Protein backbone atom coordinates (compact mmCIF):
# COMPACT_ATOMS: atom_id res chain seq x y z
CA MET A 1 -35.67 36.56 34.63
CA LEU A 2 -34.88 34.06 37.38
CA GLU A 3 -36.13 30.52 37.36
CA SER A 4 -35.84 27.53 39.69
CA TYR A 5 -36.11 23.84 38.49
CA GLU A 6 -37.24 20.83 40.14
CA ILE A 7 -35.06 17.95 38.67
CA ASP A 8 -35.57 14.52 40.25
CA LEU A 9 -33.99 12.38 37.53
CA VAL A 10 -30.79 12.38 35.58
CA ASP A 11 -29.78 10.02 32.85
CA ARG A 12 -27.68 7.26 34.37
CA THR A 13 -26.07 6.59 30.95
CA GLU A 14 -24.82 10.16 30.94
CA VAL A 15 -23.44 9.78 34.40
CA LEU A 16 -21.52 6.73 33.29
CA ARG A 17 -20.30 8.52 30.26
CA TYR A 18 -18.76 11.28 32.42
CA LEU A 19 -17.10 8.55 34.44
CA GLY A 20 -15.45 7.28 31.23
CA TYR A 21 -17.55 4.10 30.98
CA ARG A 22 -16.94 2.07 27.80
CA GLY A 23 -18.78 -1.09 28.47
CA GLN A 24 -16.65 -2.31 31.37
CA ASP A 25 -18.23 -4.59 33.94
CA VAL A 26 -19.77 -2.67 36.85
CA THR A 27 -19.96 -4.63 40.07
CA PRO A 28 -23.20 -4.74 42.06
CA GLU A 29 -21.53 -2.83 44.87
CA LEU A 30 -20.34 -0.05 42.53
CA ASP A 31 -23.77 -0.05 40.93
CA ALA A 32 -25.47 0.59 44.15
CA ARG A 33 -22.99 3.31 45.19
CA LEU A 34 -23.55 5.09 41.86
CA ASP A 35 -27.37 5.14 42.47
CA GLU A 36 -26.69 6.52 46.04
CA GLU A 37 -24.43 9.36 44.74
CA ILE A 38 -26.90 10.24 42.00
CA ASP A 39 -29.77 10.48 44.55
CA HIS A 40 -27.41 12.36 47.03
CA CYS A 41 -26.50 14.86 44.36
CA ILE A 42 -30.17 15.46 43.38
CA ARG A 43 -31.00 16.01 47.03
CA THR A 44 -28.13 18.40 47.41
CA SER A 45 -28.71 20.45 44.28
CA ARG A 46 -30.73 23.69 43.95
CA PRO A 47 -31.00 24.31 40.18
CA GLN A 48 -31.52 27.95 39.20
CA ALA A 49 -31.05 30.08 36.15
CA SER A 50 -31.01 33.65 35.00
CA LEU A 51 -32.20 34.30 31.39
CA ARG A 52 -32.38 37.26 29.05
CA VAL A 53 -33.35 37.89 25.44
CA PHE A 54 -31.55 40.60 23.49
CA ASP A 55 -32.26 42.04 19.96
CA VAL A 56 -29.36 41.77 17.57
CA GLU A 57 -28.36 45.32 16.96
CA SER A 58 -25.65 45.03 14.34
CA ARG A 59 -22.80 42.87 13.01
CA SER A 60 -19.31 44.15 12.33
CA GLN A 61 -15.74 43.08 11.69
CA ARG A 62 -12.69 44.23 13.59
CA GLU A 63 -9.42 45.34 12.05
CA ASP A 64 -7.89 41.89 12.69
CA GLY A 65 -10.84 40.27 10.81
CA THR A 66 -12.80 39.02 13.80
CA HIS A 67 -16.52 38.95 13.35
CA VAL A 68 -18.61 40.49 16.13
CA VAL A 69 -22.33 40.35 16.87
CA HIS A 70 -23.55 43.38 18.76
CA LEU A 71 -26.61 43.11 21.10
CA ALA A 72 -29.05 46.05 21.61
CA GLY A 73 -28.67 47.77 24.94
CA SER A 74 -25.73 45.75 26.05
CA PRO A 75 -21.94 46.04 26.01
CA LEU A 76 -21.73 42.33 25.45
CA GLU A 77 -20.08 41.35 22.22
CA LEU A 78 -20.17 37.88 20.78
CA ALA A 79 -16.95 37.45 18.79
CA GLY A 80 -15.48 34.95 16.42
CA GLU A 81 -16.19 32.88 13.43
CA SER A 82 -18.21 30.49 15.59
CA MET A 83 -20.63 33.27 16.62
CA ARG A 84 -20.76 34.55 12.92
CA GLU A 85 -21.93 31.14 11.92
CA HIS A 86 -24.14 30.30 14.90
CA LEU A 87 -25.92 33.68 14.81
CA ASP A 88 -26.08 34.11 11.05
CA SER A 89 -29.44 35.81 10.31
CA ALA A 90 -30.50 35.65 13.97
CA VAL A 91 -32.72 38.65 14.98
CA LYS A 92 -32.58 37.91 18.70
CA VAL A 93 -30.19 36.14 21.07
CA GLY A 94 -31.28 34.31 24.25
CA ALA A 95 -28.68 33.90 26.99
CA PHE A 96 -28.67 32.04 30.25
CA ALA A 97 -26.58 31.28 33.30
CA VAL A 98 -27.55 28.15 35.25
CA THR A 99 -26.07 26.59 38.39
CA ILE A 100 -26.99 23.75 40.70
CA GLY A 101 -25.73 25.59 43.75
CA MET A 102 -23.06 25.85 46.34
CA GLY A 103 -24.37 22.94 48.30
CA VAL A 104 -23.13 20.65 45.57
CA GLU A 105 -19.80 22.58 45.52
CA ARG A 106 -19.24 22.08 49.28
CA GLU A 107 -20.14 18.45 49.01
CA LEU A 108 -17.69 17.86 46.24
CA ARG A 109 -15.00 19.46 48.47
CA ARG A 110 -15.91 17.40 51.44
CA LEU A 111 -15.88 14.13 49.57
CA SER A 112 -12.52 14.96 47.98
CA LEU A 113 -11.12 14.92 51.48
CA THR A 114 -13.06 11.91 52.79
CA ASN A 115 -13.95 9.45 50.02
CA HIS A 116 -12.30 9.70 46.63
CA LEU A 117 -14.59 7.09 44.94
CA ASP A 118 -17.83 8.73 46.18
CA GLN A 119 -16.33 12.13 45.05
CA LEU A 120 -15.83 10.89 41.45
CA LEU A 121 -19.41 9.34 41.38
CA PHE A 122 -20.93 12.52 42.90
CA ASP A 123 -18.98 14.70 40.46
CA ALA A 124 -20.20 12.76 37.41
CA ALA A 125 -23.75 12.97 38.67
CA ALA A 126 -23.37 16.77 39.25
CA THR A 127 -22.10 17.27 35.74
CA ALA A 128 -25.03 15.31 34.24
CA LEU A 129 -27.41 17.22 36.53
CA VAL A 130 -26.16 20.71 35.55
CA GLU A 131 -26.56 19.71 31.87
CA ARG A 132 -30.26 18.82 32.73
CA ALA A 133 -30.63 22.25 34.28
CA ALA A 134 -29.09 23.75 31.14
CA ASP A 135 -31.70 21.78 29.07
CA ALA A 136 -34.49 23.36 31.26
CA ALA A 137 -33.10 26.85 30.80
CA GLU A 138 -32.80 26.27 27.06
CA ALA A 139 -36.38 25.09 26.94
CA SER A 140 -37.42 28.39 28.57
CA LEU A 141 -35.57 30.29 25.85
CA ILE A 142 -37.19 28.17 23.15
CA ALA A 143 -40.53 29.03 24.63
CA ARG A 144 -39.71 32.74 24.60
CA ALA A 145 -38.73 32.48 20.99
CA HIS A 146 -41.97 30.71 20.22
CA GLU A 147 -43.81 33.68 21.78
CA PHE A 148 -42.13 36.01 19.34
CA GLY A 149 -42.87 33.74 16.44
CA LEU A 150 -39.24 32.74 16.06
CA PHE A 151 -37.24 29.55 15.86
CA THR A 152 -34.04 28.71 17.65
CA ASN A 153 -30.84 26.80 17.18
CA TYR A 154 -28.93 25.04 20.02
CA ARG A 155 -27.07 26.52 23.04
CA PHE A 156 -23.38 27.53 22.53
CA SER A 157 -21.11 28.34 25.56
CA PRO A 158 -17.90 30.40 25.97
CA GLY A 159 -14.98 28.18 25.28
CA TYR A 160 -16.80 26.35 22.48
CA GLY A 161 -15.24 26.92 19.05
CA ASP A 162 -13.60 30.21 19.01
CA LEU A 163 -15.98 32.03 21.32
CA PRO A 164 -13.47 33.33 23.83
CA MET A 165 -13.64 32.61 27.50
CA GLU A 166 -13.29 36.45 27.99
CA THR A 167 -17.02 36.48 27.06
CA GLN A 168 -17.81 35.16 30.50
CA PRO A 169 -17.37 38.34 32.63
CA PRO A 170 -19.73 40.52 30.55
CA LEU A 171 -22.17 37.66 29.96
CA LEU A 172 -22.40 37.01 33.68
CA ARG A 173 -22.79 40.77 34.49
CA GLU A 174 -25.68 41.06 31.88
CA LEU A 175 -27.40 38.04 33.46
CA GLY A 176 -26.84 39.05 36.97
CA GLY A 177 -24.76 35.94 37.78
CA GLU A 178 -24.26 37.24 41.43
CA ARG A 179 -27.89 36.60 42.06
CA LEU A 180 -27.19 32.93 41.47
CA GLY A 181 -24.07 33.09 43.54
CA ILE A 182 -21.81 32.56 40.52
CA THR A 183 -18.35 34.15 40.72
CA LEU A 184 -15.42 34.03 38.33
CA SER A 185 -11.75 33.09 39.14
CA PRO A 186 -8.85 35.14 37.61
CA THR A 187 -8.69 32.35 34.93
CA LEU A 188 -12.46 32.83 34.19
CA LEU A 189 -13.61 29.55 35.75
CA MET A 190 -16.96 29.68 37.46
CA THR A 191 -17.69 28.91 41.05
CA PRO A 192 -19.87 26.89 41.63
CA THR A 193 -18.03 24.76 39.15
CA LYS A 194 -21.31 22.95 38.16
CA SER A 195 -22.55 26.05 36.34
CA VAL A 196 -23.19 26.73 32.60
CA THR A 197 -23.54 29.81 30.56
CA ALA A 198 -24.70 29.77 26.94
CA VAL A 199 -26.37 31.70 24.12
CA VAL A 200 -29.12 30.59 21.77
CA GLY A 201 -29.90 32.17 18.36
CA MET A 202 -33.48 33.18 17.49
CA PHE A 203 -34.48 33.36 13.89
CA GLU A 204 -37.40 34.19 11.53
CA GLN A 205 -36.86 30.96 9.64
CA ARG A 206 -36.64 27.42 10.86
CA GLN A 207 -33.06 26.24 11.32
CA SER A 208 -31.50 23.04 10.06
CA SER A 209 -30.51 22.29 13.64
CA THR A 210 -34.15 22.51 14.84
CA ARG A 211 -34.93 19.14 16.42
CA ALA A 212 -36.80 16.87 13.98
CA SER A 213 -38.97 15.34 16.68
CA CYS A 214 -39.92 16.04 20.30
CA ALA A 215 -39.15 12.39 21.32
CA HIS A 216 -35.38 12.86 21.20
CA CYS A 217 -35.08 16.45 22.14
CA PRO A 218 -32.94 17.05 25.31
CA CYS A 219 -35.40 19.77 26.32
CA HIS A 220 -38.37 17.36 26.10
CA ASP A 221 -38.98 17.01 29.80
CA PHE A 222 -39.00 20.80 30.37
CA CYS A 223 -40.81 21.90 27.21
CA LYS A 224 -43.35 24.66 27.72
CA ILE A 225 -44.72 24.53 24.16
CA ARG A 226 -45.64 20.89 23.69
CA PRO A 227 -48.43 20.96 26.46
CA THR A 228 -50.23 23.47 24.33
CA GLY A 229 -50.43 20.98 21.39
CA ARG A 230 -47.79 22.87 19.40
CA THR A 231 -44.09 22.46 18.77
CA CYS A 232 -41.16 24.72 18.41
CA ARG A 233 -40.95 23.57 14.71
CA GLY A 234 -44.21 25.56 14.05
């Protein structure tokens, strides 16, 4: 399933955090340039995602002790202790790949050659923006789980914990990453660089990580359940 998102706002605090802000004074000039690059990034971006939901077929343990979660109808294997814990008792797994597009990638390259400060500001804005797009994709998977009468935990990406980066190629193949223009380098880094892949567990029982309230949920702005008068907490 392919989705496009209209994102016209990013959290300025998050952009500052990606810049390494720790309470330092920000000059009015720098403040204005930051706002300009945030707006520039939003206008340049084209947030899109590909999403799939898989049944959990089985769980096994390799000879070396590595735990593996097997997905029905897919060669994709989610290996490691992190996945054993993250998907413990999950009956389905949602997965997504999201990107904010090659236009952002080209602009990052151009700015790296022409204006280093603007490139830093634009890069931080792009990182915050792709995380917003990932929030939107996660919200869609939460809504799918709700349709199945299931609860979710939070997204988990290759490279987190001990989920190996080698998960990226089969994950992107299963999601049709090429439809989003996402490619992988020999070192398994994605292009466009402002792209995210992740998996979300879906469970028959509410999870301890289920958000306690809608107000502080990162998926709040993209929620498809709340407008119906319900919540993902049941």
